[in-house]
């Protein structure tokens, strides 16, 4: 794409991780990154964020088809150096580092996943280290977001738990007020986490999914339908949930 890059920023547009490059050009241009981890936009220097959002929404079908095609060719991750792990909507490459002592562990540093593991560590060991990092990240995010979500909904969870689930983003035991969240939520923009937290808290008012439940969700989280749609689309594309 011709035109000198004036500024480059990372954003989430219509729920999709994006790199935006402002240039001295007249039109907007869109491509999917070579690794299928994000979209890349080249835009005129004065383009508004809302116009970029509309541009991406109108091309969502093409983006999703392109991502499906790219990911169908991509082998399962071995959690090797260079592989990608998504954290909070950002594609983070894995980088190896020496393990001084103890068992394998991972850190999120400078937008990368730094994996400290023995040189002969197998994929299961490496994945366990990355999963432990994801669990720490999600635990910290729940602690930050819970007071705000509970204040909006007007209900308090007695306990927040994390599990790797295949068919649900969350569950709520209305008798004990224990709420369980899917570990995979750590991959997506934090708005997805807020949506699921408020969804499960709302079940402390209404057990099922009926008109009363949806009316409360509309009040607590007005654009929850859009967030849910984007979340489920990305889950299908990443093949994390069946």
Protein backbone atom coordinates (compact mmCIF):
# COMPACT_ATOMS: atom_id res chain seq x y z
CA UNK A 1 0.00 0.00 0.00
CA UNK A 2 1.52 3.30 -1.09
CA UNK A 3 1.75 6.27 1.24
CA UNK A 4 4.05 6.97 4.12
CA UNK A 5 2.81 5.80 7.53
CA UNK A 6 2.09 8.87 9.66
CA UNK A 7 0.89 7.02 12.74
CA UNK A 8 0.14 3.44 13.74
CA UNK A 9 -2.18 2.33 16.55
CA UNK A 10 -3.81 -0.89 17.77
CA UNK A 11 -7.55 -0.94 18.36
CA UNK A 12 -10.46 -3.35 18.48
CA UNK A 13 -12.88 -2.53 15.64
CA UNK A 14 -16.31 -4.17 15.72
CA UNK A 15 -14.81 -6.69 18.14
CA UNK A 16 -11.89 -7.59 15.85
CA UNK A 17 -8.24 -6.85 16.77
CA UNK A 18 -6.88 -4.32 14.29
CA UNK A 19 -3.79 -2.34 13.42
CA UNK A 20 -4.62 1.08 11.99
CA UNK A 21 -2.06 2.90 9.84
CA UNK A 22 -2.79 6.54 9.11
CA UNK A 23 -1.41 7.64 5.73
CA UNK A 24 -1.64 10.43 3.17
CA UNK A 25 -4.20 8.53 1.08
CA UNK A 26 -7.79 9.16 -0.01
CA UNK A 27 -9.51 5.83 0.66
CA UNK A 28 -9.67 3.13 3.33
CA UNK A 29 -7.99 -0.22 2.63
CA UNK A 30 -8.36 -3.47 4.54
CA UNK A 31 -6.41 -6.72 4.68
CA UNK A 32 -6.13 -9.69 7.04
CA UNK A 33 -2.68 -10.16 8.51
CA UNK A 34 -0.57 -13.02 7.18
CA UNK A 35 -0.94 -15.02 10.41
CA UNK A 36 -4.71 -14.49 10.59
CA UNK A 37 -4.44 -12.86 14.00
CA UNK A 38 -5.86 -9.43 13.13
CA UNK A 39 -7.00 -7.06 10.41
CA UNK A 40 -4.85 -4.22 9.11
CA UNK A 41 -6.32 -0.92 7.93
CA UNK A 42 -4.68 1.85 5.95
CA UNK A 43 -6.75 5.00 6.36
CA UNK A 44 -6.60 8.73 5.51
CA UNK A 45 -5.06 10.76 8.31
CA UNK A 46 -8.35 12.37 9.48
CA UNK A 47 -10.53 9.25 9.42
CA UNK A 48 -12.87 8.96 12.40
CA UNK A 49 -12.97 5.82 14.52
CA UNK A 50 -16.71 5.45 13.96
CA UNK A 51 -16.15 5.42 10.18
CA UNK A 52 -13.56 2.66 10.58
CA UNK A 53 -16.04 0.65 12.68
CA UNK A 54 -18.67 0.95 9.93
CA UNK A 55 -16.10 0.04 7.28
CA UNK A 56 -15.21 -3.16 9.14
CA UNK A 57 -18.82 -4.10 9.93
CA UNK A 58 -19.82 -3.83 6.27
CA UNK A 59 -16.98 -6.20 5.36
CA UNK A 60 -17.42 -8.66 8.20
CA UNK A 61 -18.59 -11.50 5.93
CA UNK A 62 -15.44 -11.18 3.81
CA UNK A 63 -13.22 -10.97 6.91
CA UNK A 64 -14.76 -14.06 8.47
CA UNK A 65 -14.48 -16.03 5.23
CA UNK A 66 -10.82 -15.02 4.90
CA UNK A 67 -10.07 -16.00 8.51
CA UNK A 68 -11.76 -19.38 8.05
CA UNK A 69 -9.65 -20.04 4.99
CA UNK A 70 -6.40 -19.06 6.69
CA UNK A 71 -7.05 -20.95 9.91
CA UNK A 72 -8.12 -24.11 8.06
CA UNK A 73 -4.57 -24.31 6.72
CA UNK A 74 -2.96 -23.62 10.09
CA UNK A 75 -1.75 -26.67 12.10
CA UNK A 76 -2.62 -26.99 15.81
CA UNK A 77 -0.41 -24.94 18.08
CA UNK A 78 2.48 -26.74 19.75
CA UNK A 79 3.10 -23.67 21.91
CA UNK A 80 6.49 -23.36 20.24
CA UNK A 81 8.48 -20.16 19.81
CA UNK A 82 6.72 -17.98 17.24
CA UNK A 83 3.27 -19.48 17.80
CA UNK A 84 0.49 -17.06 18.67
CA UNK A 85 -1.57 -16.87 21.86
CA UNK A 86 -4.41 -14.38 22.09
CA UNK A 87 -4.65 -12.32 25.28
CA UNK A 88 -7.34 -9.67 25.71
CA UNK A 89 -7.90 -9.40 21.96
CA UNK A 90 -4.21 -9.07 21.09
CA UNK A 91 -2.12 -11.60 19.18
CA UNK A 92 0.99 -12.37 21.25
CA UNK A 93 3.90 -14.37 19.90
CA UNK A 94 5.57 -16.94 22.14
CA UNK A 95 9.26 -16.35 22.84
CA UNK A 96 11.47 -18.91 24.60
CA UNK A 97 13.59 -18.04 27.62
CA UNK A 98 15.83 -20.15 29.88
CA UNK A 99 14.33 -21.87 32.92
CA UNK A 100 16.60 -21.23 35.88
CA UNK A 101 14.80 -23.39 38.42
CA UNK A 102 11.40 -24.89 39.22
CA UNK A 103 8.75 -25.88 36.72
CA UNK A 104 7.92 -24.21 33.40
CA UNK A 105 6.10 -20.90 33.56
CA UNK A 106 5.06 -18.08 31.24
CA UNK A 107 4.99 -14.28 31.51
CA UNK A 108 3.25 -11.59 29.46
CA UNK A 109 5.99 -9.07 28.73
CA UNK A 110 6.00 -6.28 26.16
CA UNK A 111 3.11 -7.78 24.22
CA UNK A 112 4.81 -11.20 24.02
CA UNK A 113 4.38 -14.48 25.88
CA UNK A 114 7.79 -15.29 27.34
CA UNK A 115 7.89 -19.01 28.06
CA UNK A 116 10.48 -20.28 30.54
CA UNK A 117 10.77 -24.03 29.99
CA UNK A 118 13.40 -26.78 29.66
CA UNK A 119 14.78 -27.16 26.16
CA UNK A 120 13.20 -30.62 25.87
CA UNK A 121 9.77 -29.60 27.22
CA UNK A 122 6.90 -31.20 25.31
CA UNK A 123 3.79 -29.41 24.00
CA UNK A 124 1.73 -30.44 27.05
CA UNK A 125 4.23 -28.86 29.45
CA UNK A 126 4.44 -25.69 27.41
CA UNK A 127 0.67 -25.42 27.14
CA UNK A 128 0.25 -25.91 30.90
CA UNK A 129 2.59 -22.97 31.51
CA UNK A 130 0.66 -20.75 29.10
CA UNK A 131 -2.69 -21.85 30.56
CA UNK A 132 -1.45 -20.95 34.04
CA UNK A 133 -0.59 -17.47 32.77
CA UNK A 134 -4.05 -17.14 31.22
CA UNK A 135 -5.67 -18.20 34.48
CA UNK A 136 -3.68 -15.57 36.41
CA UNK A 137 -4.67 -12.91 33.90
CA UNK A 138 -8.35 -13.83 34.04
CA UNK A 139 -8.33 -14.02 37.85
CA UNK A 140 -6.87 -10.52 38.08
CA UNK A 141 -9.36 -9.17 35.53
CA UNK A 142 -12.32 -10.67 37.41
CA UNK A 143 -11.13 -9.02 40.61
CA UNK A 144 -10.92 -5.66 38.80
CA UNK A 145 -14.25 -5.93 36.98
CA UNK A 146 -16.45 -7.63 39.59
CA UNK A 147 -17.18 -4.57 41.79
CA UNK A 148 -18.29 -2.51 38.77
CA UNK A 149 -20.42 -5.29 37.28
CA UNK A 150 -22.02 -6.14 40.63
CA UNK A 151 -22.84 -2.47 41.27
CA UNK A 152 -24.60 -2.17 37.90
CA UNK A 153 -26.61 -5.40 38.27
CA UNK A 154 -27.29 -4.97 41.99
CA UNK A 155 -26.29 -8.53 42.85
CA UNK A 156 -23.15 -9.97 44.43
CA UNK A 157 -21.45 -13.25 43.54
CA UNK A 158 -20.37 -15.24 46.59
CA UNK A 159 -17.55 -16.75 44.59
CA UNK A 160 -16.08 -16.36 41.10
CA UNK A 161 -14.58 -19.54 39.66
CA UNK A 162 -12.69 -20.33 36.44
CA UNK A 163 -12.96 -23.51 34.38
CA UNK A 164 -12.08 -24.60 30.84
CA UNK A 165 -15.54 -25.19 29.34
CA UNK A 166 -16.47 -26.36 25.85
CA UNK A 167 -20.09 -25.29 25.49
CA UNK A 168 -20.69 -22.26 27.72
CA UNK A 169 -19.04 -18.95 28.50
CA UNK A 170 -20.28 -19.05 32.06
CA UNK A 171 -22.70 -20.60 34.53
CA UNK A 172 -24.44 -19.48 37.69
CA UNK A 173 -25.60 -21.49 40.67
CA UNK A 174 -28.49 -19.33 41.85
CA UNK A 175 -28.71 -21.15 45.18
CA UNK A 176 -25.09 -20.54 46.24
CA UNK A 177 -24.45 -17.45 44.07
CA UNK A 178 -21.29 -19.15 42.75
CA UNK A 179 -20.46 -18.01 39.22
CA UNK A 180 -18.10 -19.95 36.92
CA UNK A 181 -16.42 -18.33 33.91
CA UNK A 182 -14.78 -19.97 30.91
CA UNK A 183 -10.99 -19.70 30.87
CA UNK A 184 -11.11 -18.93 27.13
CA UNK A 185 -12.58 -15.49 27.88
CA UNK A 186 -9.03 -14.29 28.49
CA UNK A 187 -8.45 -14.43 24.73
CA UNK A 188 -10.95 -11.74 23.86
CA UNK A 189 -11.49 -8.05 24.43
CA UNK A 190 -12.35 -7.31 28.07
CA UNK A 191 -15.85 -6.20 27.02
CA UNK A 192 -16.63 -9.86 26.38
CA UNK A 193 -15.69 -10.68 29.98
CA UNK A 194 -17.91 -7.86 31.27
CA UNK A 195 -20.82 -9.10 29.17
CA UNK A 196 -20.55 -12.67 30.51
CA UNK A 197 -20.12 -11.48 34.10
CA UNK A 198 -23.24 -9.31 33.88
CA UNK A 199 -25.14 -12.10 32.13
CA UNK A 200 -24.43 -14.53 34.96
CA UNK A 201 -25.10 -11.93 37.67
CA UNK A 202 -28.47 -11.21 36.05
CA UNK A 203 -29.40 -14.86 36.64
CA UNK A 204 -29.38 -14.03 40.34
CA UNK A 205 -32.48 -11.95 39.52
CA UNK A 206 -34.00 -14.18 36.82
CA UNK A 207 -33.22 -17.90 36.51
CA UNK A 208 -34.07 -18.43 32.85
CA UNK A 209 -33.73 -16.58 29.58
CA UNK A 210 -37.07 -14.86 29.21
CA UNK A 211 -38.34 -11.38 28.42
CA UNK A 212 -37.63 -10.19 31.96
CA UNK A 213 -34.05 -11.43 31.76
CA UNK A 214 -33.39 -9.73 28.42
CA UNK A 215 -34.99 -6.50 29.61
CA UNK A 216 -32.55 -6.42 32.51
CA UNK A 217 -29.62 -7.16 30.21
CA UNK A 218 -30.70 -4.31 27.92
CA UNK A 219 -30.62 -2.02 30.92
CA UNK A 220 -27.34 -3.24 32.39
CA UNK A 221 -25.38 -3.70 29.14
CA UNK A 222 -27.19 -2.02 26.21
CA UNK A 223 -25.00 -3.43 23.40
CA UNK A 224 -24.70 -6.96 24.82
CA UNK A 225 -26.14 -8.51 21.65
CA UNK A 226 -23.34 -7.12 19.50
CA UNK A 227 -20.68 -8.23 21.98
CA UNK A 228 -22.22 -11.71 22.18
CA UNK A 229 -22.30 -12.01 18.39
CA UNK A 230 -18.66 -10.99 18.02
CA UNK A 231 -17.57 -13.28 20.86
CA UNK A 232 -19.31 -16.33 19.43
CA UNK A 233 -18.02 -15.60 15.93
CA UNK A 234 -14.44 -15.41 17.15
CA UNK A 235 -14.90 -18.59 19.16
CA UNK A 236 -16.03 -20.46 16.04
CA UNK A 237 -13.15 -19.07 14.02
CA UNK A 238 -10.60 -20.07 16.65
CA UNK A 239 -12.22 -23.50 17.10
CA UNK A 240 -11.87 -23.19 20.87
CA UNK A 241 -15.47 -24.14 21.58
CA UNK A 242 -17.42 -26.85 19.76
